[in-house]
Amino acid sequence: MNVEEIVTQPLFLQALELYKRLLGDAHPDVATSLNNLALLYNSQGRYDQAEPLFLQALEIRQQVFGVNHPNTVTVRQNLENLQAQKSDSRKVENNPNNTKNQ
């Protein structure tokens, strides 16, 4: 984890809690905060922590904007990218030719 990530994560968590408290759990700004935190976790390879956040953000955006709105599509694409990265990561881990496993 680099210095920027160390500083960023607490701020993202703080913003998320603040938005939830002030705006309610189903507000679009909560979805944005969830998506941003998920993107940070995804960039760190913390896929299992990122995925539920993307799913929550997607659910909020689908309810608020509908399934085809550009904001909803963005979160769906982020989730799909995470799932692809997760799959690729597992393939590398399970590859007998992977130098990490030797």
PDB file of N, CA and C in Angstrom:
ATOM      1  N   MET A   1       0.851  -1.170   0.000  1.00  0.00           N
ATOM      2  CA  MET A   1       0.000   0.000   0.000  1.00  0.00           C
ATOM      3  C   MET A   1       0.900   1.237   0.000  1.00  0.00           C
ATOM      4  N   ASN A   2       0.615   2.161  -0.900  1.00  0.00           N
ATOM      5  CA  ASN A   2       1.415   3.381  -0.943  1.00  0.00           C
ATOM      6  C   ASN A   2       0.812   4.455  -0.030  1.00  0.00           C
ATOM      7  N   VAL A   3       1.534   5.548   0.115  1.00  0.00           N
ATOM      8  CA  VAL A   3       1.111   6.614   1.023  1.00  0.00           C
ATOM      9  C   VAL A   3      -0.252   7.172   0.629  1.00  0.00           C
ATOM     10  N   GLU A   4      -0.463   7.359  -0.656  1.00  0.00           N
ATOM     11  CA  GLU A   4      -1.746   7.893  -1.127  1.00  0.00           C
ATOM     12  C   GLU A   4      -2.905   6.992  -0.715  1.00  0.00           C
ATOM     13  N   GLU A   5      -2.729   5.681  -0.841  1.00  0.00           N
ATOM     14  CA  GLU A   5      -3.782   4.742  -0.464  1.00  0.00           C
ATOM     15  C   GLU A   5      -4.014   4.749   1.041  1.00  0.00           C
ATOM     16  N   ILE A   6      -2.941   4.912   1.818  1.00  0.00           N
ATOM     17  CA  ILE A   6      -3.060   4.961   3.280  1.00  0.00           C
ATOM     18  C   ILE A   6      -3.889   6.169   3.699  1.00  0.00           C
ATOM     19  N   VAL A   7      -3.694   7.279   3.024  1.00  0.00           N
ATOM     20  CA  VAL A   7      -4.436   8.502   3.332  1.00  0.00           C
ATOM     21  C   VAL A   7      -5.854   8.429   2.773  1.00  0.00           C
ATOM     22  N   THR A   8      -6.007   7.866   1.595  1.00  0.00           N
ATOM     23  CA  THR A   8      -7.284   7.866   0.884  1.00  0.00           C
ATOM     24  C   THR A   8      -8.334   6.983   1.539  1.00  0.00           C
ATOM     25  N   GLN A   9      -7.961   5.786   1.940  1.00  0.00           N
ATOM     26  CA  GLN A   9      -8.947   4.850   2.470  1.00  0.00           C
ATOM     27  C   GLN A   9      -9.741   5.415   3.651  1.00  0.00           C
ATOM     28  N   PRO A  10      -9.091   5.976   4.680  1.00  0.00           N
ATOM     29  CA  PRO A  10      -9.884   6.533   5.783  1.00  0.00           C
ATOM     30  C   PRO A  10     -10.814   7.672   5.343  1.00  0.00           C
ATOM     31  N   LEU A  11     -10.373   8.457   4.379  1.00  0.00           N
ATOM     32  CA  LEU A  11     -11.219   9.539   3.881  1.00  0.00           C
ATOM     33  C   LEU A  11     -12.436   9.000   3.148  1.00  0.00           C
ATOM     34  N   PHE A  12     -12.246   7.965   2.343  1.00  0.00           N
ATOM     35  CA  PHE A  12     -13.375   7.341   1.644  1.00  0.00           C
ATOM     36  C   PHE A  12     -14.368   6.748   2.645  1.00  0.00           C
ATOM     37  N   LEU A  13     -13.845   6.086   3.675  1.00  0.00           N
ATOM     38  CA  LEU A  13     -14.714   5.499   4.696  1.00  0.00           C
ATOM     39  C   LEU A  13     -15.476   6.587   5.451  1.00  0.00           C
ATOM     40  N   GLN A  14     -14.785   7.656   5.757  1.00  0.00           N
ATOM     41  CA  GLN A  14     -15.405   8.770   6.464  1.00  0.00           C
ATOM     42  C   GLN A  14     -16.508   9.420   5.609  1.00  0.00           C
ATOM     43  N   ALA A  15     -16.227   9.625   4.334  1.00  0.00           N
ATOM     44  CA  ALA A  15     -17.223  10.209   3.428  1.00  0.00           C
ATOM     45  C   ALA A  15     -18.438   9.298   3.314  1.00  0.00           C
ATOM     46  N   LEU A  16     -18.205   8.002   3.208  1.00  0.00           N
ATOM     47  CA  LEU A  16     -19.304   7.045   3.097  1.00  0.00           C
ATOM     48  C   LEU A  16     -20.208   7.118   4.323  1.00  0.00           C
ATOM     49  N   GLU A  17     -19.623   7.092   5.500  1.00  0.00           N
ATOM     50  CA  GLU A  17     -20.424   7.152   6.724  1.00  0.00           C
ATOM     51  C   GLU A  17     -21.176   8.478   6.844  1.00  0.00           C
ATOM     52  N   LEU A  18     -20.529   9.548   6.454  1.00  0.00           N
ATOM     53  CA  LEU A  18     -21.162  10.865   6.508  1.00  0.00           C
ATOM     54  C   LEU A  18     -22.356  10.942   5.554  1.00  0.00           C
ATOM     55  N   TYR A  19     -22.170  10.488   4.324  1.00  0.00           N
ATOM     56  CA  TYR A  19     -23.271  10.487   3.355  1.00  0.00           C
ATOM     57  C   TYR A  19     -24.433   9.617   3.835  1.00  0.00           C
ATOM     58  N   LYS A  20     -24.119   8.452   4.384  1.00  0.00           N
ATOM     59  CA  LYS A  20     -25.180   7.573   4.875  1.00  0.00           C
ATOM     60  C   LYS A  20     -25.971   8.248   5.991  1.00  0.00           C
ATOM     61  N   ARG A  21     -25.246   8.885   6.897  1.00  0.00           N
ATOM     62  CA  ARG A  21     -25.896   9.530   8.041  1.00  0.00           C
ATOM     63  C   ARG A  21     -26.747  10.717   7.590  1.00  0.00           C
ATOM     64  N   LEU A  22     -26.216  11.522   6.678  1.00  0.00           N
ATOM     65  CA  LEU A  22     -26.905  12.742   6.269  1.00  0.00           C
ATOM     66  C   LEU A  22     -27.967  12.526   5.189  1.00  0.00           C
ATOM     67  N   LEU A  23     -27.716  11.590   4.289  1.00  0.00           N
ATOM     68  CA  LEU A  23     -28.581  11.444   3.110  1.00  0.00           C
ATOM     69  C   LEU A  23     -29.405  10.168   3.086  1.00  0.00           C
ATOM     70  N   GLY A  24     -29.041   9.202   3.909  1.00  0.00           N
ATOM     71  CA  GLY A  24     -29.726   7.916   3.898  1.00  0.00           C
ATOM     72  C   GLY A  24     -28.960   6.905   3.066  1.00  0.00           C
ATOM     73  N   ASP A  25     -29.213   5.639   3.345  1.00  0.00           N
ATOM     74  CA  ASP A  25     -28.454   4.544   2.723  1.00  0.00           C
ATOM     75  C   ASP A  25     -28.660   4.397   1.221  1.00  0.00           C
ATOM     76  N   ALA A  26     -29.757   4.922   0.690  1.00  0.00           N
ATOM     77  CA  ALA A  26     -30.082   4.692  -0.721  1.00  0.00           C
ATOM     78  C   ALA A  26     -29.877   5.929  -1.591  1.00  0.00           C
ATOM     79  N   HIS A  27     -29.092   6.876  -1.141  1.00  0.00           N
ATOM     80  CA  HIS A  27     -28.855   8.098  -1.908  1.00  0.00           C
ATOM     81  C   HIS A  27     -27.768   7.857  -2.965  1.00  0.00           C
ATOM     82  N   PRO A  28     -27.875   8.499  -4.127  1.00  0.00           N
ATOM     83  CA  PRO A  28     -26.861   8.334  -5.179  1.00  0.00           C
ATOM     84  C   PRO A  28     -25.438   8.685  -4.721  1.00  0.00           C
ATOM     85  N   ASP A  29     -25.304   9.648  -3.806  1.00  0.00           N
ATOM     86  CA  ASP A  29     -23.964   9.987  -3.314  1.00  0.00           C
ATOM     87  C   ASP A  29     -23.374   8.858  -2.467  1.00  0.00           C
ATOM     88  N   VAL A  30     -24.228   8.107  -1.805  1.00  0.00           N
ATOM     89  CA  VAL A  30     -23.765   6.916  -1.078  1.00  0.00           C
ATOM     90  C   VAL A  30     -23.245   5.893  -2.085  1.00  0.00           C
ATOM     91  N   ALA A  31     -23.972   5.728  -3.170  1.00  0.00           N
ATOM     92  CA  ALA A  31     -23.534   4.806  -4.221  1.00  0.00           C
ATOM     93  C   ALA A  31     -22.182   5.225  -4.788  1.00  0.00           C
ATOM     94  N   THR A  32     -21.991   6.520  -4.978  1.00  0.00           N
ATOM     95  CA  THR A  32     -20.709   7.021  -5.481  1.00  0.00           C
ATOM     96  C   THR A  32     -19.592   6.722  -4.500  1.00  0.00           C
ATOM     97  N   SER A  33     -19.843   6.922  -3.214  1.00  0.00           N
ATOM     98  CA  SER A  33     -18.830   6.628  -2.200  1.00  0.00           C
ATOM     99  C   SER A  33     -18.516   5.138  -2.143  1.00  0.00           C
ATOM    100  N   LEU A  34     -19.539   4.321  -2.230  1.00  0.00           N
ATOM    101  CA  LEU A  34     -19.323   2.866  -2.260  1.00  0.00           C
ATOM    102  C   LEU A  34     -18.478   2.472  -3.465  1.00  0.00           C
ATOM    103  N   ASN A  35     -18.811   3.037  -4.618  1.00  0.00           N
ATOM    104  CA  ASN A  35     -18.069   2.744  -5.840  1.00  0.00           C
ATOM    105  C   ASN A  35     -16.609   3.177  -5.712  1.00  0.00           C
ATOM    106  N   ASN A  36     -16.377   4.372  -5.158  1.00  0.00           N
ATOM    107  CA  ASN A  36     -15.007   4.871  -5.011  1.00  0.00           C
ATOM    108  C   ASN A  36     -14.181   3.997  -4.071  1.00  0.00           C
ATOM    109  N   LEU A  37     -14.771   3.601  -2.955  1.00  0.00           N
ATOM    110  CA  LEU A  37     -14.064   2.730  -2.016  1.00  0.00           C
ATOM    111  C   LEU A  37     -13.793   1.371  -2.658  1.00  0.00           C
ATOM    112  N   ALA A  38     -14.764   0.866  -3.399  1.00  0.00           N
ATOM    113  CA  ALA A  38     -14.580  -0.410  -4.096  1.00  0.00           C
ATOM    114  C   ALA A  38     -13.464  -0.316  -5.128  1.00  0.00           C
ATOM    115  N   LEU A  39     -13.383   0.802  -5.843  1.00  0.00           N
ATOM    116  CA  LEU A  39     -12.301   0.987  -6.818  1.00  0.00           C
ATOM    117  C   LEU A  39     -10.935   0.982  -6.127  1.00  0.00           C
ATOM    118  N   LEU A  40     -10.860   1.609  -4.957  1.00  0.00           N
ATOM    119  CA  LEU A  40      -9.607   1.604  -4.204  1.00  0.00           C
ATOM    120  C   LEU A  40      -9.242   0.180  -3.806  1.00  0.00           C
ATOM    121  N   TYR A  41     -10.188  -0.560  -3.223  1.00  0.00           N
ATOM    122  CA  TYR A  41      -9.920  -1.943  -2.831  1.00  0.00           C
ATOM    123  C   TYR A  41      -9.547  -2.794  -4.039  1.00  0.00           C
ATOM    124  N   ASN A  42     -10.226  -2.578  -5.146  1.00  0.00           N
ATOM    125  CA  ASN A  42      -9.931  -3.322  -6.363  1.00  0.00           C
ATOM    126  C   ASN A  42      -8.498  -3.055  -6.817  1.00  0.00           C
ATOM    127  N   SER A  43      -8.079  -1.799  -6.757  1.00  0.00           N
ATOM    128  CA  SER A  43      -6.717  -1.445  -7.186  1.00  0.00           C
ATOM    129  C   SER A  43      -5.657  -2.076  -6.285  1.00  0.00           C
ATOM    130  N   GLN A  44      -6.049  -2.409  -5.062  1.00  0.00           N
ATOM    131  CA  GLN A  44      -5.142  -3.042  -4.113  1.00  0.00           C
ATOM    132  C   GLN A  44      -5.209  -4.568  -4.182  1.00  0.00           C
ATOM    133  N   GLY A  45      -6.059  -5.087  -5.069  1.00  0.00           N
ATOM    134  CA  GLY A  45      -6.224  -6.536  -5.170  1.00  0.00           C
ATOM    135  C   GLY A  45      -7.093  -7.110  -4.063  1.00  0.00           C
ATOM    136  N   ARG A  46      -7.817  -6.272  -3.366  1.00  0.00           N
ATOM    137  CA  ARG A  46      -8.699  -6.695  -2.273  1.00  0.00           C
ATOM    138  C   ARG A  46     -10.098  -6.948  -2.838  1.00  0.00           C
ATOM    139  N   TYR A  47     -10.154  -7.922  -3.746  1.00  0.00           N
ATOM    140  CA  TYR A  47     -11.363  -8.171  -4.521  1.00  0.00           C
ATOM    141  C   TYR A  47     -12.554  -8.568  -3.654  1.00  0.00           C
ATOM    142  N   ASP A  48     -12.306  -9.370  -2.621  1.00  0.00           N
ATOM    143  CA  ASP A  48     -13.403  -9.835  -1.778  1.00  0.00           C
ATOM    144  C   ASP A  48     -14.020  -8.701  -0.955  1.00  0.00           C
ATOM    145  N   GLN A  49     -13.266  -7.644  -0.720  1.00  0.00           N
ATOM    146  CA  GLN A  49     -13.811  -6.479  -0.031  1.00  0.00           C
ATOM    147  C   GLN A  49     -14.478  -5.520  -1.020  1.00  0.00           C
ATOM    148  N   ALA A  50     -13.965  -5.461  -2.226  1.00  0.00           N
ATOM    149  CA  ALA A  50     -14.502  -4.552  -3.234  1.00  0.00           C
ATOM    150  C   ALA A  50     -15.842  -5.022  -3.792  1.00  0.00           C
ATOM    151  N   GLU A  51     -15.980  -6.300  -4.009  1.00  0.00           N
ATOM    152  CA  GLU A  51     -17.170  -6.815  -4.701  1.00  0.00           C
ATOM    153  C   GLU A  51     -18.492  -6.456  -4.003  1.00  0.00           C
ATOM    154  N   PRO A  52     -18.629  -6.664  -2.688  1.00  0.00           N
ATOM    155  CA  PRO A  52     -19.914  -6.306  -2.071  1.00  0.00           C
ATOM    156  C   PRO A  52     -20.214  -4.801  -2.138  1.00  0.00           C
ATOM    157  N   LEU A  53     -19.172  -3.989  -2.156  1.00  0.00           N
ATOM    158  CA  LEU A  53     -19.375  -2.546  -2.266  1.00  0.00           C
ATOM    159  C   LEU A  53     -19.891  -2.180  -3.650  1.00  0.00           C
ATOM    160  N   PHE A  54     -19.301  -2.797  -4.685  1.00  0.00           N
ATOM    161  CA  PHE A  54     -19.811  -2.579  -6.047  1.00  0.00           C
ATOM    162  C   PHE A  54     -21.267  -3.033  -6.148  1.00  0.00           C
ATOM    163  N   LEU A  55     -21.579  -4.180  -5.540  1.00  0.00           N
ATOM    164  CA  LEU A  55     -22.947  -4.695  -5.601  1.00  0.00           C
ATOM    165  C   LEU A  55     -23.934  -3.750  -4.914  1.00  0.00           C
ATOM    166  N   GLN A  56     -23.546  -3.191  -3.770  1.00  0.00           N
ATOM    167  CA  GLN A  56     -24.411  -2.227  -3.083  1.00  0.00           C
ATOM    168  C   GLN A  56     -24.603  -0.967  -3.928  1.00  0.00           C
ATOM    169  N   ALA A  57     -23.507  -0.474  -4.503  1.00  0.00           N
ATOM    170  CA  ALA A  57     -23.577   0.723  -5.347  1.00  0.00           C
ATOM    171  C   ALA A  57     -24.466   0.468  -6.557  1.00  0.00           C
ATOM    172  N   LEU A  58     -24.325  -0.703  -7.148  1.00  0.00           N
ATOM    173  CA  LEU A  58     -25.133  -1.057  -8.316  1.00  0.00           C
ATOM    174  C   LEU A  58     -26.619  -1.114  -7.952  1.00  0.00           C
ATOM    175  N   GLU A  59     -26.927  -1.714  -6.825  1.00  0.00           N
ATOM    176  CA  GLU A  59     -28.326  -1.816  -6.399  1.00  0.00           C
ATOM    177  C   GLU A  59     -28.940  -0.423  -6.195  1.00  0.00           C
ATOM    178  N   ILE A  60     -28.208   0.461  -5.536  1.00  0.00           N
ATOM    179  CA  ILE A  60     -28.716   1.825  -5.316  1.00  0.00           C
ATOM    180  C   ILE A  60     -28.936   2.533  -6.644  1.00  0.00           C
ATOM    181  N   ARG A  61     -27.948   2.462  -7.511  1.00  0.00           N
ATOM    182  CA  ARG A  61     -28.064   3.177  -8.785  1.00  0.00           C
ATOM    183  C   ARG A  61     -29.168   2.613  -9.666  1.00  0.00           C
ATOM    184  N   GLN A  62     -29.361   1.298  -9.632  1.00  0.00           N
ATOM    185  CA  GLN A  62     -30.462   0.716 -10.404  1.00  0.00           C
ATOM    186  C   GLN A  62     -31.808   1.207  -9.877  1.00  0.00           C
ATOM    187  N   GLN A  63     -31.944   1.299  -8.561  1.00  0.00           N
ATOM    188  CA  GLN A  63     -33.200   1.758  -7.966  1.00  0.00           C
ATOM    189  C   GLN A  63     -33.451   3.232  -8.260  1.00  0.00           C
ATOM    190  N   VAL A  64     -32.390   4.036  -8.194  1.00  0.00           N
ATOM    191  CA  VAL A  64     -32.548   5.480  -8.354  1.00  0.00           C
ATOM    192  C   VAL A  64     -32.620   5.892  -9.826  1.00  0.00           C
ATOM    193  N   PHE A  65     -31.713   5.350 -10.639  1.00  0.00           N
ATOM    194  CA  PHE A  65     -31.574   5.811 -12.022  1.00  0.00           C
ATOM    195  C   PHE A  65     -32.134   4.850 -13.061  1.00  0.00           C
ATOM    196  N   GLY A  66     -32.293   3.580 -12.717  1.00  0.00           N
ATOM    197  CA  GLY A  66     -32.692   2.569 -13.688  1.00  0.00           C
ATOM    198  C   GLY A  66     -31.472   1.819 -14.212  1.00  0.00           C
ATOM    199  N   VAL A  67     -31.716   0.701 -14.869  1.00  0.00           N
ATOM    200  CA  VAL A  67     -30.625  -0.192 -15.265  1.00  0.00           C
ATOM    201  C   VAL A  67     -29.778   0.320 -16.426  1.00  0.00           C
ATOM    202  N   ASN A  68     -30.317   1.201 -17.249  1.00  0.00           N
ATOM    203  CA  ASN A  68     -29.580   1.647 -18.431  1.00  0.00           C
ATOM    204  C   ASN A  68     -28.975   3.045 -18.310  1.00  0.00           C
ATOM    205  N   HIS A  69     -29.108   3.657 -17.161  1.00  0.00           N
ATOM    206  CA  HIS A  69     -28.540   4.988 -16.951  1.00  0.00           C
ATOM    207  C   HIS A  69     -27.012   4.891 -16.968  1.00  0.00           C
ATOM    208  N   PRO A  70     -26.330   5.883 -17.538  1.00  0.00           N
ATOM    209  CA  PRO A  70     -24.858   5.840 -17.606  1.00  0.00           C
ATOM    210  C   PRO A  70     -24.175   5.628 -16.247  1.00  0.00           C
ATOM    211  N   ASN A  71     -24.708   6.202 -15.174  1.00  0.00           N
ATOM    212  CA  ASN A  71     -24.111   5.996 -13.848  1.00  0.00           C
ATOM    213  C   ASN A  71     -24.236   4.548 -13.394  1.00  0.00           C
ATOM    214  N   THR A  72     -25.360   3.939 -13.713  1.00  0.00           N
ATOM    215  CA  THR A  72     -25.572   2.530 -13.378  1.00  0.00           C
ATOM    216  C   THR A  72     -24.649   1.648 -14.213  1.00  0.00           C
ATOM    217  N   VAL A  73     -24.558   1.953 -15.482  1.00  0.00           N
ATOM    218  CA  VAL A  73     -23.700   1.182 -16.387  1.00  0.00           C
ATOM    219  C   VAL A  73     -22.243   1.239 -15.931  1.00  0.00           C
ATOM    220  N   THR A  74     -21.802   2.385 -15.467  1.00  0.00           N
ATOM    221  CA  THR A  74     -20.419   2.537 -15.000  1.00  0.00           C
ATOM    222  C   THR A  74     -20.122   1.590 -13.847  1.00  0.00           C
ATOM    223  N   VAL A  75     -21.015   1.533 -12.870  1.00  0.00           N
ATOM    224  CA  VAL A  75     -20.801   0.636 -11.730  1.00  0.00           C
ATOM    225  C   VAL A  75     -20.844  -0.820 -12.192  1.00  0.00           C
ATOM    226  N   ARG A  76     -21.775  -1.142 -13.088  1.00  0.00           N
ATOM    227  CA  ARG A  76     -21.861  -2.514 -13.594  1.00  0.00           C
ATOM    228  C   ARG A  76     -20.560  -2.908 -14.298  1.00  0.00           C
ATOM    229  N   GLN A  77     -19.997  -1.987 -15.076  1.00  0.00           N
ATOM    230  CA  GLN A  77     -18.722  -2.263 -15.753  1.00  0.00           C
ATOM    231  C   GLN A  77     -17.591  -2.429 -14.741  1.00  0.00           C
ATOM    232  N   ASN A  78     -17.582  -1.606 -13.703  1.00  0.00           N
ATOM    233  CA  ASN A  78     -16.568  -1.751 -12.657  1.00  0.00           C
ATOM    234  C   ASN A  78     -16.660  -3.126 -11.993  1.00  0.00           C
ATOM    235  N   LEU A  79     -17.886  -3.565 -11.723  1.00  0.00           N
ATOM    236  CA  LEU A  79     -18.101  -4.887 -11.129  1.00  0.00           C
ATOM    237  C   LEU A  79     -17.638  -5.987 -12.078  1.00  0.00           C
ATOM    238  N   GLU A  80     -17.969  -5.870 -13.347  1.00  0.00           N
ATOM    239  CA  GLU A  80     -17.544  -6.870 -14.335  1.00  0.00           C
ATOM    240  C   GLU A  80     -16.024  -6.910 -14.457  1.00  0.00           C
ATOM    241  N   ASN A  81     -15.388  -5.746 -14.418  1.00  0.00           N
ATOM    242  CA  ASN A  81     -13.919  -5.702 -14.467  1.00  0.00           C
ATOM    243  C   ASN A  81     -13.316  -6.389 -13.252  1.00  0.00           C
ATOM    244  N   LEU A  82     -13.883  -6.144 -12.085  1.00  0.00           N
ATOM    245  CA  LEU A  82     -13.405  -6.795 -10.869  1.00  0.00           C
ATOM    246  C   LEU A  82     -13.542  -8.304 -10.991  1.00  0.00           C
ATOM    247  N   GLN A  83     -14.692  -8.766 -11.454  1.00  0.00           N
ATOM    248  CA  GLN A  83     -14.914 -10.208 -11.574  1.00  0.00           C
ATOM    249  C   GLN A  83     -13.940 -10.840 -12.557  1.00  0.00           C
ATOM    250  N   ALA A  84     -13.613 -10.132 -13.630  1.00  0.00           N
ATOM    251  CA  ALA A  84     -12.625 -10.635 -14.586  1.00  0.00           C
ATOM    252  C   ALA A  84     -11.238 -10.685 -13.944  1.00  0.00           C
ATOM    253  N   GLN A  85     -10.885  -9.644 -13.196  1.00  0.00           N
ATOM    254  CA  GLN A  85      -9.582  -9.624 -12.523  1.00  0.00           C
ATOM    255  C   GLN A  85      -9.494 -10.737 -11.492  1.00  0.00           C
ATOM    256  N   LYS A  86     -10.579 -10.959 -10.776  1.00  0.00           N
ATOM    257  CA  LYS A  86     -10.626 -12.029  -9.778  1.00  0.00           C
ATOM    258  C   LYS A  86     -10.402 -13.386 -10.446  1.00  0.00           C
ATOM    259  N   SER A  87     -11.060 -13.573 -11.566  1.00  0.00           N
ATOM    260  CA  SER A  87     -10.931 -14.821 -12.320  1.00  0.00           C
ATOM    261  C   SER A  87      -9.501 -14.999 -12.830  1.00  0.00           C
ATOM    262  N   ASP A  88      -8.937 -13.937 -13.391  1.00  0.00           N
ATOM    263  CA  ASP A  88      -7.558 -13.994 -13.884  1.00  0.00           C
ATOM    264  C   ASP A  88      -6.582 -14.280 -12.757  1.00  0.00           C
ATOM    265  N   SER A  89      -6.817 -13.670 -11.617  1.00  0.00           N
ATOM    266  CA  SER A  89      -5.948 -13.860 -10.452  1.00  0.00           C
ATOM    267  C   SER A  89      -5.973 -15.312  -9.993  1.00  0.00           C
ATOM    268  N   ARG A  90      -7.146 -15.899  -9.991  1.00  0.00           N
ATOM    269  CA  ARG A  90      -7.270 -17.312  -9.582  1.00  0.00           C
ATOM    270  C   ARG A  90      -6.598 -18.234 -10.592  1.00  0.00           C
ATOM    271  N   LYS A  91      -6.696 -17.897 -11.873  1.00  0.00           N
ATOM    272  CA  LYS A  91      -6.040 -18.715 -12.900  1.00  0.00           C
ATOM    273  C   LYS A  91      -4.530 -18.710 -12.701  1.00  0.00           C
ATOM    274  N   VAL A  92      -3.976 -17.549 -12.404  1.00  0.00           N
ATOM    275  CA  VAL A  92      -2.533 -17.432 -12.179  1.00  0.00           C
ATOM    276  C   VAL A  92      -2.132 -18.231 -10.948  1.00  0.00           C
ATOM    277  N   GLU A  93      -2.914 -18.130  -9.882  1.00  0.00           N
ATOM    278  CA  GLU A  93      -2.603 -18.849  -8.652  1.00  0.00           C
ATOM    279  C   GLU A  93      -2.655 -20.353  -8.850  1.00  0.00           C
ATOM    280  N   ASN A  94      -3.565 -20.819  -9.698  1.00  0.00           N
ATOM    281  CA  ASN A  94      -3.744 -22.255  -9.904  1.00  0.00           C
ATOM    282  C   ASN A  94      -2.905 -22.823 -11.043  1.00  0.00           C
ATOM    283  N   ASN A  95      -2.153 -21.978 -11.742  1.00  0.00           N
ATOM    284  CA  ASN A  95      -1.330 -22.419 -12.855  1.00  0.00           C
ATOM    285  C   ASN A  95      -0.091 -23.128 -12.318  1.00  0.00           C
ATOM    286  N   PRO A  96       0.112 -24.404 -12.683  1.00  0.00           N
ATOM    287  CA  PRO A  96       1.280 -25.128 -12.181  1.00  0.00           C
ATOM    288  C   PRO A  96       2.596 -24.543 -12.705  1.00  0.00           C
ATOM    289  N   ASN A  97       2.552 -23.777 -13.788  1.00  0.00           N
ATOM    290  CA  ASN A  97       3.761 -23.158 -14.338  1.00  0.00           C
ATOM    291  C   ASN A  97       4.062 -21.812 -13.705  1.00  0.00           C
ATOM    292  N   ASN A  98       3.204 -21.362 -12.801  1.00  0.00           N
ATOM    293  CA  ASN A  98       3.391 -20.088 -12.128  1.00  0.00           C
ATOM    294  C   ASN A  98       4.609 -20.166 -11.210  1.00  0.00           C
ATOM    295  N   THR A  99       5.534 -19.243 -11.382  1.00  0.00           N
ATOM    296  CA  THR A  99       6.763 -19.271 -10.587  1.00  0.00           C
ATOM    297  C   THR A  99       6.497 -19.019  -9.109  1.00  0.00           C
ATOM    298  N   LYS A 100       5.369 -18.350  -8.761  1.00  0.00           N
ATOM    299  CA  LYS A 100       5.034 -18.136  -7.351  1.00  0.00           C
ATOM    300  C   LYS A 100       4.770 -19.443  -6.629  1.00  0.00           C
ATOM    301  N   ASN A 101       4.238 -20.416  -7.363  1.00  0.00           N
ATOM    302  CA  ASN A 101       3.865 -21.704  -6.754  1.00  0.00           C
ATOM    303  C   ASN A 101       5.046 -22.646  -6.648  1.00  0.00           C
ATOM    304  N   GLN A 102       6.194 -22.289  -7.167  1.00  0.00           N
ATOM    305  CA  GLN A 102       7.336 -23.210  -7.180  1.00  0.00           C
ATOM    306  C   GLN A 102       8.307 -22.915  -6.079  1.00  0.00           C
TER     307      GLN A 102
END
